[in-house]
């Protein structure tokens, strides 16, 4: 039931008893509205207001936000057990294993705030895709949060981008904040709170020229 509302009718011309293309349109408008907006126009306006996270060239042309998929990252309860299982049951591996914490990762951030966290990671490769397992070592990270809320599974997808800083600015500019990130031996990485805009958490990275990962703390199998 409308309170103090009014109905506005716009009638088209009627020819030969038929209602033309510009025929009657019923539009609801509340008092004080400058103009009533038909439903199809409102929908189009909402769609056009979708944040645009793509990159822009100096000439105004558009570049995609992401250029490739490089990695799938999963959270697990027990990294050592998961590595062993995936190697022995599926042949996934060999694995390189590291610990990341406040002593090795600088500029740590969780949900937009400076926050230290500790994780254990294992890297393998399937074709051209890196396959990464992460075990949280404390309760401070989004990896821990997802593990406790949803159990083991995919935490995020890692995307390549032409320009890390421009992509970071574009994502923040369209309202998608940081989820978790840091800098590890010259590699900057940032996960974004990209849901529900994307059905997954998106991560980007940038490795400084000449930088490389340190030697692994452990490998599985131990001999290759």
C-alpha atoms as a PDB file:
ATOM      1  CA  UNK A   1       0.000   0.000   0.000  1.00  0.00           C
ATOM      2  CA  UNK A   2       1.433   3.398  -1.041  1.00  0.00           C
ATOM      3  CA  UNK A   3       1.306   6.271   1.407  1.00  0.00           C
ATOM      4  CA  UNK A   4       0.815   9.675  -0.184  1.00  0.00           C
ATOM      5  CA  UNK A   5       2.062   8.236  -3.463  1.00  0.00           C
ATOM      6  CA  UNK A   6       0.758   9.116  -6.845  1.00  0.00           C
ATOM      7  CA  UNK A   7       0.285   7.320 -10.124  1.00  0.00           C
ATOM      8  CA  UNK A   8       1.455   8.850 -13.318  1.00  0.00           C
ATOM      9  CA  UNK A   9       0.182   7.553 -16.632  1.00  0.00           C
ATOM     10  CA  UNK A  10       1.751   8.300 -19.986  1.00  0.00           C
ATOM     11  CA  UNK A  11      -0.504   7.449 -22.903  1.00  0.00           C
ATOM     12  CA  UNK A  12       0.658   7.015 -26.494  1.00  0.00           C
ATOM     13  CA  UNK A  13      -1.390   7.659 -29.524  1.00  0.00           C
ATOM     14  CA  UNK A  14      -4.064   5.140 -30.390  1.00  0.00           C
ATOM     15  CA  UNK A  15      -4.552   4.360 -34.092  1.00  0.00           C
ATOM     16  CA  UNK A  16      -7.361   2.193 -35.382  1.00  0.00           C
ATOM     17  CA  UNK A  17      -8.239   1.112 -31.868  1.00  0.00           C
ATOM     18  CA  UNK A  18      -4.729  -0.281 -31.329  1.00  0.00           C
ATOM     19  CA  UNK A  19      -2.270   0.917 -28.672  1.00  0.00           C
ATOM     20  CA  UNK A  20       0.971   1.981 -30.377  1.00  0.00           C
ATOM     21  CA  UNK A  21       4.563   1.335 -29.331  1.00  0.00           C
ATOM     22  CA  UNK A  22       4.481   4.464 -27.221  1.00  0.00           C
ATOM     23  CA  UNK A  23       1.484   3.112 -25.328  1.00  0.00           C
ATOM     24  CA  UNK A  24       0.468   3.291 -21.705  1.00  0.00           C
ATOM     25  CA  UNK A  25       3.200   2.972 -19.125  1.00  0.00           C
ATOM     26  CA  UNK A  26       2.421   2.842 -15.424  1.00  0.00           C
ATOM     27  CA  UNK A  27       5.138   4.394 -13.257  1.00  0.00           C
ATOM     28  CA  UNK A  28       5.121   4.798  -9.489  1.00  0.00           C
ATOM     29  CA  UNK A  29       6.685   7.869  -7.948  1.00  0.00           C
ATOM     30  CA  UNK A  30       6.888   9.004  -4.372  1.00  0.00           C
ATOM     31  CA  UNK A  31       6.232  12.649  -3.532  1.00  0.00           C
ATOM     32  CA  UNK A  32       9.302  14.784  -4.048  1.00  0.00           C
ATOM     33  CA  UNK A  33      10.767  12.580  -6.770  1.00  0.00           C
ATOM     34  CA  UNK A  34      12.142  14.674  -9.613  1.00  0.00           C
ATOM     35  CA  UNK A  35      11.066  12.019 -12.088  1.00  0.00           C
ATOM     36  CA  UNK A  36       9.851   8.478 -11.956  1.00  0.00           C
ATOM     37  CA  UNK A  37      12.260   5.924 -13.481  1.00  0.00           C
ATOM     38  CA  UNK A  38      10.783   2.969 -15.385  1.00  0.00           C
ATOM     39  CA  UNK A  39      11.950  -0.414 -14.140  1.00  0.00           C
ATOM     40  CA  UNK A  40      14.013  -1.255 -17.236  1.00  0.00           C
ATOM     41  CA  UNK A  41      15.881   2.064 -16.953  1.00  0.00           C
ATOM     42  CA  UNK A  42      16.547   1.512 -13.251  1.00  0.00           C
ATOM     43  CA  UNK A  43      18.015  -1.911 -14.008  1.00  0.00           C
ATOM     44  CA  UNK A  44      20.255  -0.480 -16.715  1.00  0.00           C
ATOM     45  CA  UNK A  45      21.398   2.277 -14.359  1.00  0.00           C
ATOM     46  CA  UNK A  46      22.273  -0.262 -11.668  1.00  0.00           C
ATOM     47  CA  UNK A  47      24.215  -2.357 -14.156  1.00  0.00           C
ATOM     48  CA  UNK A  48      26.194   0.636 -15.408  1.00  0.00           C
ATOM     49  CA  UNK A  49      27.135   1.482 -11.819  1.00  0.00           C
ATOM     50  CA  UNK A  50      29.053  -1.817 -11.409  1.00  0.00           C
ATOM     51  CA  UNK A  51      32.602  -0.978 -10.224  1.00  0.00           C
ATOM     52  CA  UNK A  52      35.142  -1.269 -13.036  1.00  0.00           C
ATOM     53  CA  UNK A  53      38.383  -2.864 -11.827  1.00  0.00           C
ATOM     54  CA  UNK A  54      40.082  -3.027 -15.219  1.00  0.00           C
ATOM     55  CA  UNK A  55      43.294  -1.172 -15.959  1.00  0.00           C
ATOM     56  CA  UNK A  56      43.503   1.915 -18.152  1.00  0.00           C
ATOM     57  CA  UNK A  57      46.206   2.860 -20.623  1.00  0.00           C
ATOM     58  CA  UNK A  58      47.262   6.517 -20.985  1.00  0.00           C
ATOM     59  CA  UNK A  59      45.132   6.747 -24.151  1.00  0.00           C
ATOM     60  CA  UNK A  60      42.076   5.530 -22.249  1.00  0.00           C
ATOM     61  CA  UNK A  61      42.005   2.023 -23.725  1.00  0.00           C
ATOM     62  CA  UNK A  62      41.232  -0.842 -21.372  1.00  0.00           C
ATOM     63  CA  UNK A  63      43.457  -3.688 -20.203  1.00  0.00           C
ATOM     64  CA  UNK A  64      42.153  -6.768 -18.340  1.00  0.00           C
ATOM     65  CA  UNK A  65      42.748  -6.924 -14.611  1.00  0.00           C
ATOM     66  CA  UNK A  66      44.277 -10.399 -14.822  1.00  0.00           C
ATOM     67  CA  UNK A  67      46.342 -11.934 -17.618  1.00  0.00           C
ATOM     68  CA  UNK A  68      46.830 -15.560 -16.534  1.00  0.00           C
ATOM     69  CA  UNK A  69      46.115 -18.110 -13.794  1.00  0.00           C
ATOM     70  CA  UNK A  70      49.308 -19.310 -12.168  1.00  0.00           C
ATOM     71  CA  UNK A  71      48.429 -21.037  -8.924  1.00  0.00           C
ATOM     72  CA  UNK A  72      45.760 -22.766  -6.856  1.00  0.00           C
ATOM     73  CA  UNK A  73      46.125 -22.332  -3.083  1.00  0.00           C
ATOM     74  CA  UNK A  74      44.467 -24.702  -0.593  1.00  0.00           C
ATOM     75  CA  UNK A  75      44.300 -24.756   3.185  1.00  0.00           C
ATOM     76  CA  UNK A  76      44.895 -28.026   5.032  1.00  0.00           C
ATOM     77  CA  UNK A  77      44.928 -29.182   8.644  1.00  0.00           C
ATOM     78  CA  UNK A  78      48.174 -31.155   8.445  1.00  0.00           C
ATOM     79  CA  UNK A  79      50.564 -30.117   5.677  1.00  0.00           C
ATOM     80  CA  UNK A  80      53.010 -33.004   6.105  1.00  0.00           C
ATOM     81  CA  UNK A  81      50.239 -35.582   5.972  1.00  0.00           C
ATOM     82  CA  UNK A  82      48.620 -33.885   2.953  1.00  0.00           C
ATOM     83  CA  UNK A  83      51.896 -33.739   1.036  1.00  0.00           C
ATOM     84  CA  UNK A  84      52.529 -37.442   1.697  1.00  0.00           C
ATOM     85  CA  UNK A  85      48.994 -38.432   0.716  1.00  0.00           C
ATOM     86  CA  UNK A  86      48.941 -36.428  -2.518  1.00  0.00           C
ATOM     87  CA  UNK A  87      52.341 -37.789  -3.564  1.00  0.00           C
ATOM     88  CA  UNK A  88      51.576 -41.427  -2.771  1.00  0.00           C
ATOM     89  CA  UNK A  89      47.975 -41.477  -4.007  1.00  0.00           C
ATOM     90  CA  UNK A  90      48.038 -39.070  -6.970  1.00  0.00           C
ATOM     91  CA  UNK A  91      51.702 -38.540  -7.777  1.00  0.00           C
ATOM     92  CA  UNK A  92      51.450 -34.798  -7.071  1.00  0.00           C
ATOM     93  CA  UNK A  93      54.919 -33.474  -6.319  1.00  0.00           C
ATOM     94  CA  UNK A  94      57.764 -33.314  -5.606  1.00  0.00           C
ATOM     95  CA  UNK A  95      57.212 -30.682  -2.946  1.00  0.00           C
ATOM     96  CA  UNK A  96      59.240 -27.756  -1.578  1.00  0.00           C
ATOM     97  CA  UNK A  97      58.303 -26.689   1.954  1.00  0.00           C
ATOM     98  CA  UNK A  98      58.815 -23.400   3.841  1.00  0.00           C
ATOM     99  CA  UNK A  99      57.631 -21.575   6.972  1.00  0.00           C
ATOM    100  CA  UNK A 100      56.411 -18.002   6.535  1.00  0.00           C
ATOM    101  CA  UNK A 101      56.073 -15.754   9.595  1.00  0.00           C
ATOM    102  CA  UNK A 102      56.973 -12.310  10.882  1.00  0.00           C
ATOM    103  CA  UNK A 103      60.683 -13.097  10.644  1.00  0.00           C
ATOM    104  CA  UNK A 104      60.561 -13.882   6.922  1.00  0.00           C
ATOM    105  CA  UNK A 105      57.528 -11.958   5.610  1.00  0.00           C
ATOM    106  CA  UNK A 106      57.473  -8.165   5.839  1.00  0.00           C
ATOM    107  CA  UNK A 107      54.491  -5.820   5.400  1.00  0.00           C
ATOM    108  CA  UNK A 108      52.077  -8.471   6.643  1.00  0.00           C
ATOM    109  CA  UNK A 109      48.457  -7.399   6.395  1.00  0.00           C
ATOM    110  CA  UNK A 110      45.174  -9.110   7.264  1.00  0.00           C
ATOM    111  CA  UNK A 111      41.857  -7.575   6.174  1.00  0.00           C
ATOM    112  CA  UNK A 112      43.397  -4.164   5.570  1.00  0.00           C
ATOM    113  CA  UNK A 113      45.294  -3.956   8.863  1.00  0.00           C
ATOM    114  CA  UNK A 114      48.922  -4.619   9.734  1.00  0.00           C
ATOM    115  CA  UNK A 115      48.859  -8.033  11.363  1.00  0.00           C
ATOM    116  CA  UNK A 116      51.498 -10.720  11.738  1.00  0.00           C
ATOM    117  CA  UNK A 117      50.678 -14.342  11.020  1.00  0.00           C
ATOM    118  CA  UNK A 118      52.480 -17.660  10.585  1.00  0.00           C
ATOM    119  CA  UNK A 119      51.895 -20.382   8.007  1.00  0.00           C
ATOM    120  CA  UNK A 120      53.630 -23.438   6.587  1.00  0.00           C
ATOM    121  CA  UNK A 121      53.483 -23.826   2.814  1.00  0.00           C
ATOM    122  CA  UNK A 122      54.292 -26.568   0.307  1.00  0.00           C
ATOM    123  CA  UNK A 123      54.767 -26.020  -3.427  1.00  0.00           C
ATOM    124  CA  UNK A 124      54.372 -28.525  -6.243  1.00  0.00           C
ATOM    125  CA  UNK A 125      53.626 -28.082  -9.920  1.00  0.00           C
ATOM    126  CA  UNK A 126      50.994 -29.666 -12.153  1.00  0.00           C
ATOM    127  CA  UNK A 127      51.666 -28.732 -15.768  1.00  0.00           C
ATOM    128  CA  UNK A 128      52.069 -24.959 -15.796  1.00  0.00           C
ATOM    129  CA  UNK A 129      50.078 -24.438 -12.608  1.00  0.00           C
ATOM    130  CA  UNK A 130      51.607 -24.193  -9.136  1.00  0.00           C
ATOM    131  CA  UNK A 131      49.741 -26.287  -6.577  1.00  0.00           C
ATOM    132  CA  UNK A 132      50.180 -24.867  -3.076  1.00  0.00           C
ATOM    133  CA  UNK A 133      49.125 -26.179   0.317  1.00  0.00           C
ATOM    134  CA  UNK A 134      48.978 -23.924   3.376  1.00  0.00           C
ATOM    135  CA  UNK A 135      48.740 -24.955   7.020  1.00  0.00           C
ATOM    136  CA  UNK A 136      48.018 -22.101   9.454  1.00  0.00           C
ATOM    137  CA  UNK A 137      50.387 -22.070  12.432  1.00  0.00           C
ATOM    138  CA  UNK A 138      48.358 -19.565  14.454  1.00  0.00           C
ATOM    139  CA  UNK A 139      44.839 -18.135  14.571  1.00  0.00           C
ATOM    140  CA  UNK A 140      45.626 -14.735  13.023  1.00  0.00           C
ATOM    141  CA  UNK A 141      45.299 -15.391   9.290  1.00  0.00           C
ATOM    142  CA  UNK A 142      42.407 -15.754   6.860  1.00  0.00           C
ATOM    143  CA  UNK A 143      43.823 -19.206   6.107  1.00  0.00           C
ATOM    144  CA  UNK A 144      43.001 -20.227   9.678  1.00  0.00           C
ATOM    145  CA  UNK A 145      39.612 -18.525   9.467  1.00  0.00           C
ATOM    146  CA  UNK A 146      38.630 -20.404   6.329  1.00  0.00           C
ATOM    147  CA  UNK A 147      39.928 -23.728   7.631  1.00  0.00           C
ATOM    148  CA  UNK A 148      37.874 -23.457  10.810  1.00  0.00           C
ATOM    149  CA  UNK A 149      34.769 -22.170   9.032  1.00  0.00           C
ATOM    150  CA  UNK A 150      34.735 -24.296   5.876  1.00  0.00           C
ATOM    151  CA  UNK A 151      37.333 -27.011   6.414  1.00  0.00           C
ATOM    152  CA  UNK A 152      40.063 -27.998   3.979  1.00  0.00           C
ATOM    153  CA  UNK A 153      39.789 -26.725   0.432  1.00  0.00           C
ATOM    154  CA  UNK A 154      40.632 -23.924  -1.976  1.00  0.00           C
ATOM    155  CA  UNK A 155      41.481 -20.638  -0.302  1.00  0.00           C
ATOM    156  CA  UNK A 156      42.328 -18.555  -3.369  1.00  0.00           C
ATOM    157  CA  UNK A 157      43.395 -18.475  -7.010  1.00  0.00           C
ATOM    158  CA  UNK A 158      46.607 -16.645  -7.966  1.00  0.00           C
ATOM    159  CA  UNK A 159      46.451 -14.468 -11.082  1.00  0.00           C
ATOM    160  CA  UNK A 160      49.222 -12.859 -13.092  1.00  0.00           C
ATOM    161  CA  UNK A 161      48.855  -9.183 -13.923  1.00  0.00           C
ATOM    162  CA  UNK A 162      50.763  -6.793 -16.160  1.00  0.00           C
ATOM    163  CA  UNK A 163      51.249  -4.223 -13.410  1.00  0.00           C
ATOM    164  CA  UNK A 164      51.032  -5.168  -9.723  1.00  0.00           C
ATOM    165  CA  UNK A 165      50.800  -1.629  -8.376  1.00  0.00           C
ATOM    166  CA  UNK A 166      48.242  -0.520 -10.971  1.00  0.00           C
ATOM    167  CA  UNK A 167      46.133  -3.617 -10.281  1.00  0.00           C
ATOM    168  CA  UNK A 168      46.344  -3.053  -6.527  1.00  0.00           C
ATOM    169  CA  UNK A 169      45.170   0.537  -7.006  1.00  0.00           C
ATOM    170  CA  UNK A 170      42.404  -0.514  -9.415  1.00  0.00           C
ATOM    171  CA  UNK A 171      41.044  -3.159  -7.050  1.00  0.00           C
ATOM    172  CA  UNK A 172      41.068  -0.773  -4.103  1.00  0.00           C
ATOM    173  CA  UNK A 173      39.580   1.965  -6.284  1.00  0.00           C
ATOM    174  CA  UNK A 174      36.572  -0.179  -7.159  1.00  0.00           C
ATOM    175  CA  UNK A 175      35.951  -1.041  -3.523  1.00  0.00           C
ATOM    176  CA  UNK A 176      37.644  -4.444  -3.243  1.00  0.00           C
ATOM    177  CA  UNK A 177      39.818  -4.403  -0.128  1.00  0.00           C
ATOM    178  CA  UNK A 178      42.816  -6.455   0.900  1.00  0.00           C
ATOM    179  CA  UNK A 179      42.302  -9.891   2.471  1.00  0.00           C
ATOM    180  CA  UNK A 180      45.810 -11.065   3.362  1.00  0.00           C
ATOM    181  CA  UNK A 181      49.266 -10.271   2.001  1.00  0.00           C
ATOM    182  CA  UNK A 182      52.923  -9.464   2.566  1.00  0.00           C
ATOM    183  CA  UNK A 183      56.386  -9.521   0.992  1.00  0.00           C
ATOM    184  CA  UNK A 184      58.481 -12.701   1.038  1.00  0.00           C
ATOM    185  CA  UNK A 185      62.070 -12.561  -0.214  1.00  0.00           C
ATOM    186  CA  UNK A 186      61.310  -9.967  -2.871  1.00  0.00           C
ATOM    187  CA  UNK A 187      57.907 -11.331  -3.879  1.00  0.00           C
ATOM    188  CA  UNK A 188      54.960  -9.136  -2.991  1.00  0.00           C
ATOM    189  CA  UNK A 189      51.578 -10.855  -2.779  1.00  0.00           C
ATOM    190  CA  UNK A 190      48.082  -9.672  -1.993  1.00  0.00           C
ATOM    191  CA  UNK A 191      44.814 -11.546  -1.636  1.00  0.00           C
ATOM    192  CA  UNK A 192      41.670  -9.502  -2.163  1.00  0.00           C
ATOM    193  CA  UNK A 193      38.243  -9.689  -0.540  1.00  0.00           C
ATOM    194  CA  UNK A 194      36.890 -10.271  -4.050  1.00  0.00           C
ATOM    195  CA  UNK A 195      33.758 -12.192  -3.141  1.00  0.00           C
ATOM    196  CA  UNK A 196      30.984 -11.895  -4.263  1.00  0.00           C
ATOM    197  CA  UNK A 197      32.296  -9.960  -7.283  1.00  0.00           C
ATOM    198  CA  UNK A 198      34.306 -13.093  -8.097  1.00  0.00           C
ATOM    199  CA  UNK A 199      33.329 -16.535  -6.787  1.00  0.00           C
ATOM    200  CA  UNK A 200      36.872 -16.923  -5.405  1.00  0.00           C
ATOM    201  CA  UNK A 201      39.438 -14.919  -3.469  1.00  0.00           C
ATOM    202  CA  UNK A 202      41.840 -13.431  -6.015  1.00  0.00           C
ATOM    203  CA  UNK A 203      45.571 -13.052  -5.357  1.00  0.00           C
ATOM    204  CA  UNK A 204      48.177 -11.143  -7.352  1.00  0.00           C
ATOM    205  CA  UNK A 205      51.945 -11.119  -6.979  1.00  0.00           C
ATOM    206  CA  UNK A 206      55.082  -9.359  -8.151  1.00  0.00           C
ATOM    207  CA  UNK A 207      58.633 -10.672  -7.912  1.00  0.00           C
ATOM    208  CA  UNK A 208      61.391  -8.065  -7.912  1.00  0.00           C
ATOM    209  CA  UNK A 209      64.100  -8.366 -10.528  1.00  0.00           C
ATOM    210  CA  UNK A 210      66.763 -10.785  -9.331  1.00  0.00           C
ATOM    211  CA  UNK A 211      64.691 -12.031  -6.387  1.00  0.00           C
ATOM    212  CA  UNK A 212      64.021 -15.719  -5.782  1.00  0.00           C
ATOM    213  CA  UNK A 213      62.620 -17.995  -3.123  1.00  0.00           C
ATOM    214  CA  UNK A 214      65.081 -19.208  -0.480  1.00  0.00           C
ATOM    215  CA  UNK A 215      66.153 -22.852  -0.463  1.00  0.00           C
ATOM    216  CA  UNK A 216      63.329 -25.018   0.903  1.00  0.00           C
ATOM    217  CA  UNK A 217      63.446 -26.016   4.556  1.00  0.00           C
ATOM    218  CA  UNK A 218      62.356 -29.499   3.540  1.00  0.00           C
ATOM    219  CA  UNK A 219      61.323 -31.452   0.463  1.00  0.00           C
ATOM    220  CA  UNK A 220      59.075 -34.422  -0.167  1.00  0.00           C
ATOM    221  CA  UNK A 221      60.123 -36.957  -1.140  1.00  0.00           C
ATOM    222  CA  UNK A 222      63.368 -36.250   0.678  1.00  0.00           C
ATOM    223  CA  UNK A 223      65.393 -37.471  -2.318  1.00  0.00           C
ATOM    224  CA  UNK A 224      64.456 -36.766  -5.917  1.00  0.00           C
END
